Amino acid sequence: MIEITKKQAKYLRDHGVKEGITRTMKQKSKRGKRILVAEEPYILALLRDYAESETIVETYGIVD
């Protein structure tokens, strides 16, 4: 099982993954939600596709 983000979980569900995604929560504080996914080859391939499709924009402050 590996930990993934909420956006990655949504991507997997949108692409047909119905089983293998689990969300845990600490009962005492109701915080600390973690989303775990099984390490299946087709799920890992979808996560690779998600990483390639994601654009990263870096912004820097203007120095005068």
PDB file of N, CA and C in Angstrom:
ATOM      1  N   MET A   1       0.847  -1.174   0.000  1.00  0.00           N
ATOM      2  CA  MET A   1       0.000   0.000   0.000  1.00  0.00           C
ATOM      3  C   MET A   1       0.894   1.239   0.000  1.00  0.00           C
ATOM      4  N   ILE A   2       0.539   2.191  -0.848  1.00  0.00           N
ATOM      5  CA  ILE A   2       1.268   3.455  -0.884  1.00  0.00           C
ATOM      6  C   ILE A   2       0.285   4.592  -0.644  1.00  0.00           C
ATOM      7  N   GLU A   3       0.793   5.694  -0.107  1.00  0.00           N
ATOM      8  CA  GLU A   3      -0.054   6.846   0.190  1.00  0.00           C
ATOM      9  C   GLU A   3      -0.130   7.744  -1.036  1.00  0.00           C
ATOM     10  N   ILE A   4      -1.351   8.220  -1.350  1.00  0.00           N
ATOM     11  CA  ILE A   4      -1.551   9.113  -2.480  1.00  0.00           C
ATOM     12  C   ILE A   4      -2.340  10.334  -2.023  1.00  0.00           C
ATOM     13  N   THR A   5      -2.406  11.338  -2.897  1.00  0.00           N
ATOM     14  CA  THR A   5      -3.146  12.548  -2.584  1.00  0.00           C
ATOM     15  C   THR A   5      -4.608  12.401  -3.002  1.00  0.00           C
ATOM     16  N   LYS A   6      -5.407  13.368  -2.579  1.00  0.00           N
ATOM     17  CA  LYS A   6      -6.828  13.369  -2.914  1.00  0.00           C
ATOM     18  C   LYS A   6      -7.031  13.516  -4.426  1.00  0.00           C
ATOM     19  N   LYS A   7      -6.215  14.340  -5.065  1.00  0.00           N
ATOM     20  CA  LYS A   7      -6.318  14.532  -6.524  1.00  0.00           C
ATOM     21  C   LYS A   7      -5.964  13.255  -7.277  1.00  0.00           C
ATOM     22  N   GLN A   8      -4.945  12.543  -6.795  1.00  0.00           N
ATOM     23  CA  GLN A   8      -4.569  11.283  -7.427  1.00  0.00           C
ATOM     24  C   GLN A   8      -5.680  10.251  -7.274  1.00  0.00           C
ATOM     25  N   ALA A   9      -6.326  10.219  -6.109  1.00  0.00           N
ATOM     26  CA  ALA A   9      -7.421   9.274  -5.881  1.00  0.00           C
ATOM     27  C   ALA A   9      -8.588   9.578  -6.806  1.00  0.00           C
ATOM     28  N   LYS A  10      -8.896  10.859  -6.989  1.00  0.00           N
ATOM     29  CA  LYS A  10      -9.977  11.245  -7.900  1.00  0.00           C
ATOM     30  C   LYS A  10      -9.643  10.828  -9.328  1.00  0.00           C
ATOM     31  N   TYR A  11      -8.394  11.027  -9.740  1.00  0.00           N
ATOM     32  CA  TYR A  11      -7.950  10.629 -11.079  1.00  0.00           C
ATOM     33  C   TYR A  11      -8.127   9.125 -11.277  1.00  0.00           C
ATOM     34  N   LEU A  12      -7.733   8.339 -10.275  1.00  0.00           N
ATOM     35  CA  LEU A  12      -7.865   6.884 -10.383  1.00  0.00           C
ATOM     36  C   LEU A  12      -9.331   6.468 -10.490  1.00  0.00           C
ATOM     37  N   ARG A  13     -10.188   7.085  -9.681  1.00  0.00           N
ATOM     38  CA  ARG A  13     -11.623   6.753  -9.728  1.00  0.00           C
ATOM     39  C   ARG A  13     -12.233   7.144 -11.066  1.00  0.00           C
ATOM     40  N   ASP A  14     -11.807   8.286 -11.616  1.00  0.00           N
ATOM     41  CA  ASP A  14     -12.306   8.733 -12.920  1.00  0.00           C
ATOM     42  C   ASP A  14     -11.881   7.796 -14.039  1.00  0.00           C
ATOM     43  N   HIS A  15     -10.783   7.082 -13.839  1.00  0.00           N
ATOM     44  CA  HIS A  15     -10.291   6.167 -14.863  1.00  0.00           C
ATOM     45  C   HIS A  15     -10.625   4.701 -14.570  1.00  0.00           C
ATOM     46  N   GLY A  16     -11.639   4.480 -13.745  1.00  0.00           N
ATOM     47  CA  GLY A  16     -12.194   3.141 -13.612  1.00  0.00           C
ATOM     48  C   GLY A  16     -11.691   2.284 -12.466  1.00  0.00           C
ATOM     49  N   VAL A  17     -10.859   2.805 -11.597  1.00  0.00           N
ATOM     50  CA  VAL A  17     -10.390   2.004 -10.468  1.00  0.00           C
ATOM     51  C   VAL A  17     -11.457   2.050  -9.381  1.00  0.00           C
ATOM     52  N   LYS A  18     -12.082   0.921  -9.119  1.00  0.00           N
ATOM     53  CA  LYS A  18     -13.149   0.849  -8.131  1.00  0.00           C
ATOM     54  C   LYS A  18     -12.667   0.268  -6.806  1.00  0.00           C
ATOM     55  N   GLU A  19     -11.693  -0.633  -6.866  1.00  0.00           N
ATOM     56  CA  GLU A  19     -11.220  -1.296  -5.657  1.00  0.00           C
ATOM     57  C   GLU A  19      -9.731  -1.039  -5.478  1.00  0.00           C
ATOM     58  N   GLY A  20      -9.295  -1.086  -4.232  1.00  0.00           N
ATOM     59  CA  GLY A  20      -7.881  -0.898  -3.950  1.00  0.00           C
ATOM     60  C   GLY A  20      -7.569   0.458  -3.359  1.00  0.00           C
ATOM     61  N   ILE A  21      -8.558   1.381  -3.310  1.00  0.00           N
ATOM     62  CA  ILE A  21      -8.353   2.696  -2.728  1.00  0.00           C
ATOM     63  C   ILE A  21      -9.020   2.716  -1.356  1.00  0.00           C
ATOM     64  N   THR A  22      -8.251   3.051  -0.328  1.00  0.00           N
ATOM     65  CA  THR A  22      -8.751   3.047   1.043  1.00  0.00           C
ATOM     66  C   THR A  22      -8.428   4.379   1.701  1.00  0.00           C
ATOM     67  N   ARG A  23      -9.376   4.899   2.481  1.00  0.00           N
ATOM     68  CA  ARG A  23      -9.141   6.126   3.232  1.00  0.00           C
ATOM     69  C   ARG A  23      -9.193   5.813   4.720  1.00  0.00           C
ATOM     70  N   THR A  24      -8.186   6.241   5.450  1.00  0.00           N
ATOM     71  CA  THR A  24      -8.150   6.014   6.883  1.00  0.00           C
ATOM     72  C   THR A  24      -8.311   7.337   7.606  1.00  0.00           C
ATOM     73  N   MET A  25      -8.738   7.282   8.868  1.00  0.00           N
ATOM     74  CA  MET A  25      -8.905   8.485   9.655  1.00  0.00           C
ATOM     75  C   MET A  25      -8.638   8.137  11.111  1.00  0.00           C
ATOM     76  N   LYS A  26      -7.937   9.028  11.789  1.00  0.00           N
ATOM     77  CA  LYS A  26      -7.737   8.848  13.217  1.00  0.00           C
ATOM     78  C   LYS A  26      -9.036   9.199  13.914  1.00  0.00           C
ATOM     79  N   GLN A  27      -9.573   8.314  14.699  1.00  0.00           N
ATOM     80  CA  GLN A  27     -10.884   8.502  15.307  1.00  0.00           C
ATOM     81  C   GLN A  27     -10.897   9.606  16.353  1.00  0.00           C
ATOM     82  N   LYS A  28      -9.827   9.730  17.137  1.00  0.00           N
ATOM     83  CA  LYS A  28      -9.840  10.666  18.257  1.00  0.00           C
ATOM     84  C   LYS A  28     -10.019  12.102  17.807  1.00  0.00           C
ATOM     85  N   SER A  29      -9.253  12.544  16.827  1.00  0.00           N
ATOM     86  CA  SER A  29      -9.287  13.958  16.450  1.00  0.00           C
ATOM     87  C   SER A  29     -10.068  14.220  15.165  1.00  0.00           C
ATOM     88  N   LYS A  30     -10.467  13.168  14.478  1.00  0.00           N
ATOM     89  CA  LYS A  30     -11.159  13.288  13.191  1.00  0.00           C
ATOM     90  C   LYS A  30     -10.286  13.978  12.147  1.00  0.00           C
ATOM     91  N   ARG A  31      -9.002  13.961  12.352  1.00  0.00           N
ATOM     92  CA  ARG A  31      -8.064  14.547  11.393  1.00  0.00           C
ATOM     93  C   ARG A  31      -7.082  13.477  10.952  1.00  0.00           C
ATOM     94  N   GLY A  32      -6.193  13.862  10.106  1.00  0.00           N
ATOM     95  CA  GLY A  32      -5.157  12.929   9.674  1.00  0.00           C
ATOM     96  C   GLY A  32      -5.633  11.933   8.644  1.00  0.00           C
ATOM     97  N   LYS A  33      -6.536  12.357   7.764  1.00  0.00           N
ATOM     98  CA  LYS A  33      -7.015  11.442   6.727  1.00  0.00           C
ATOM     99  C   LYS A  33      -5.872  11.089   5.787  1.00  0.00           C
ATOM    100  N   ARG A  34      -5.756   9.816   5.501  1.00  0.00           N
ATOM    101  CA  ARG A  34      -4.751   9.339   4.556  1.00  0.00           C
ATOM    102  C   ARG A  34      -5.452   8.473   3.534  1.00  0.00           C
ATOM    103  N   ILE A  35      -5.027   8.595   2.304  1.00  0.00           N
ATOM    104  CA  ILE A  35      -5.590   7.765   1.244  1.00  0.00           C
ATOM    105  C   ILE A  35      -4.490   6.797   0.806  1.00  0.00           C
ATOM    106  N   LEU A  36      -4.803   5.523   0.877  1.00  0.00           N
ATOM    107  CA  LEU A  36      -3.853   4.480   0.507  1.00  0.00           C
ATOM    108  C   LEU A  36      -4.383   3.720  -0.699  1.00  0.00           C
ATOM    109  N   VAL A  37      -3.462   3.235  -1.517  1.00  0.00           N
ATOM    110  CA  VAL A  37      -3.850   2.480  -2.699  1.00  0.00           C
ATOM    111  C   VAL A  37      -2.965   1.239  -2.801  1.00  0.00           C
ATOM    112  N   ALA A  38      -3.534   0.177  -3.329  1.00  0.00           N
ATOM    113  CA  ALA A  38      -2.794  -1.078  -3.512  1.00  0.00           C
ATOM    114  C   ALA A  38      -1.748  -0.906  -4.610  1.00  0.00           C
ATOM    115  N   GLU A  39      -0.657  -1.628  -4.480  1.00  0.00           N
ATOM    116  CA  GLU A  39       0.434  -1.535  -5.452  1.00  0.00           C
ATOM    117  C   GLU A  39       0.221  -2.509  -6.608  1.00  0.00           C
ATOM    118  N   GLU A  40      -0.834  -2.319  -7.347  1.00  0.00           N
ATOM    119  CA  GLU A  40      -1.123  -3.138  -8.525  1.00  0.00           C
ATOM    120  C   GLU A  40      -0.458  -2.496  -9.746  1.00  0.00           C
ATOM    121  N   PRO A  41      -0.012  -3.284 -10.709  1.00  0.00           N
ATOM    122  CA  PRO A  41       0.673  -2.717 -11.877  1.00  0.00           C
ATOM    123  C   PRO A  41      -0.168  -1.710 -12.661  1.00  0.00           C
ATOM    124  N   TYR A  42      -1.458  -1.976 -12.851  1.00  0.00           N
ATOM    125  CA  TYR A  42      -2.272  -1.045 -13.629  1.00  0.00           C
ATOM    126  C   TYR A  42      -2.531   0.247 -12.859  1.00  0.00           C
ATOM    127  N   ILE A  43      -2.592   0.175 -11.529  1.00  0.00           N
ATOM    128  CA  ILE A  43      -2.769   1.389 -10.729  1.00  0.00           C
ATOM    129  C   ILE A  43      -1.500   2.218 -10.766  1.00  0.00           C
ATOM    130  N   LEU A  44      -0.347   1.574 -10.657  1.00  0.00           N
ATOM    131  CA  LEU A  44       0.918   2.301 -10.727  1.00  0.00           C
ATOM    132  C   LEU A  44       1.112   2.940 -12.099  1.00  0.00           C
ATOM    133  N   ALA A  45       0.651   2.280 -13.162  1.00  0.00           N
ATOM    134  CA  ALA A  45       0.732   2.865 -14.504  1.00  0.00           C
ATOM    135  C   ALA A  45      -0.150   4.106 -14.606  1.00  0.00           C
ATOM    136  N   LEU A  46      -1.353   4.045 -14.028  1.00  0.00           N
ATOM    137  CA  LEU A  46      -2.234   5.220 -14.022  1.00  0.00           C
ATOM    138  C   LEU A  46      -1.628   6.364 -13.228  1.00  0.00           C
ATOM    139  N   LEU A  47      -0.979   6.064 -12.113  1.00  0.00           N
ATOM    140  CA  LEU A  47      -0.324   7.109 -11.321  1.00  0.00           C
ATOM    141  C   LEU A  47       0.839   7.735 -12.090  1.00  0.00           C
ATOM    142  N   ARG A  48       1.546   6.937 -12.874  1.00  0.00           N
ATOM    143  CA  ARG A  48       2.618   7.469 -13.731  1.00  0.00           C
ATOM    144  C   ARG A  48       2.040   8.402 -14.777  1.00  0.00           C
ATOM    145  N   ASP A  49       0.903   8.005 -15.378  1.00  0.00           N
ATOM    146  CA  ASP A  49       0.236   8.858 -16.369  1.00  0.00           C
ATOM    147  C   ASP A  49      -0.226  10.166 -15.734  1.00  0.00           C
ATOM    148  N   TYR A  50      -0.729  10.089 -14.505  1.00  0.00           N
ATOM    149  CA  TYR A  50      -1.166  11.295 -13.796  1.00  0.00           C
ATOM    150  C   TYR A  50       0.015  12.235 -13.565  1.00  0.00           C
ATOM    151  N   ALA A  51       1.144  11.682 -13.156  1.00  0.00           N
ATOM    152  CA  ALA A  51       2.331  12.503 -12.884  1.00  0.00           C
ATOM    153  C   ALA A  51       2.834  13.182 -14.153  1.00  0.00           C
ATOM    154  N   GLU A  52       2.741  12.493 -15.292  1.00  0.00           N
ATOM    155  CA  GLU A  52       3.185  13.078 -16.551  1.00  0.00           C
ATOM    156  C   GLU A  52       2.225  14.157 -17.036  1.00  0.00           C
ATOM    157  N   SER A  53       0.931  14.031 -16.725  1.00  0.00           N
ATOM    158  CA  SER A  53      -0.053  14.996 -17.212  1.00  0.00           C
ATOM    159  C   SER A  53      -0.123  16.245 -16.342  1.00  0.00           C
ATOM    160  N   GLU A  54       0.419  16.161 -15.120  1.00  0.00           N
ATOM    161  CA  GLU A  54       0.345  17.292 -14.200  1.00  0.00           C
ATOM    162  C   GLU A  54       1.399  18.336 -14.560  1.00  0.00           C
ATOM    163  N   THR A  55       0.982  19.597 -14.645  1.00  0.00           N
ATOM    164  CA  THR A  55       1.908  20.682 -14.929  1.00  0.00           C
ATOM    165  C   THR A  55       2.302  21.378 -13.639  1.00  0.00           C
ATOM    166  N   ILE A  56       3.577  21.632 -13.502  1.00  0.00           N
ATOM    167  CA  ILE A  56       4.090  22.291 -12.316  1.00  0.00           C
ATOM    168  C   ILE A  56       4.537  23.690 -12.730  1.00  0.00           C
ATOM    169  N   VAL A  57       3.970  24.686 -12.064  1.00  0.00           N
ATOM    170  CA  VAL A  57       4.314  26.064 -12.354  1.00  0.00           C
ATOM    171  C   VAL A  57       5.040  26.633 -11.146  1.00  0.00           C
ATOM    172  N   GLU A  58       6.257  27.082 -11.388  1.00  0.00           N
ATOM    173  CA  GLU A  58       7.029  27.689 -10.309  1.00  0.00           C
ATOM    174  C   GLU A  58       7.036  29.192 -10.496  1.00  0.00           C
ATOM    175  N   THR A  59       6.715  29.900  -9.443  1.00  0.00           N
ATOM    176  CA  THR A  59       6.717  31.352  -9.529  1.00  0.00           C
ATOM    177  C   THR A  59       7.746  31.899  -8.545  1.00  0.00           C
ATOM    178  N   TYR A  60       8.378  32.948  -8.959  1.00  0.00           N
ATOM    179  CA  TYR A  60       9.397  33.590  -8.140  1.00  0.00           C
ATOM    180  C   TYR A  60       9.018  35.059  -7.966  1.00  0.00           C
ATOM    181  N   GLY A  61       9.380  35.613  -6.853  1.00  0.00           N
ATOM    182  CA  GLY A  61       9.124  37.006  -6.609  1.00  0.00           C
ATOM    183  C   GLY A  61       9.986  37.904  -7.491  1.00  0.00           C
ATOM    184  N   ILE A  62       9.528  39.117  -7.721  1.00  0.00           N
ATOM    185  CA  ILE A  62      10.263  40.081  -8.544  1.00  0.00           C
ATOM    186  C   ILE A  62      11.233  40.824  -7.631  1.00  0.00           C
ATOM    187  N   VAL A  63      12.482  40.838  -8.032  1.00  0.00           N
ATOM    188  CA  VAL A  63      13.510  41.528  -7.253  1.00  0.00           C
ATOM    189  C   VAL A  63      13.839  42.835  -7.950  1.00  0.00           C
ATOM    190  N   ASP A  64      13.713  43.934  -7.209  1.00  0.00           N
ATOM    191  CA  ASP A  64      14.038  45.261  -7.780  1.00  0.00           C
ATOM    192  C   ASP A  64      15.427  45.676  -7.421  1.00  0.00           C
TER     193      ASP A  64
END
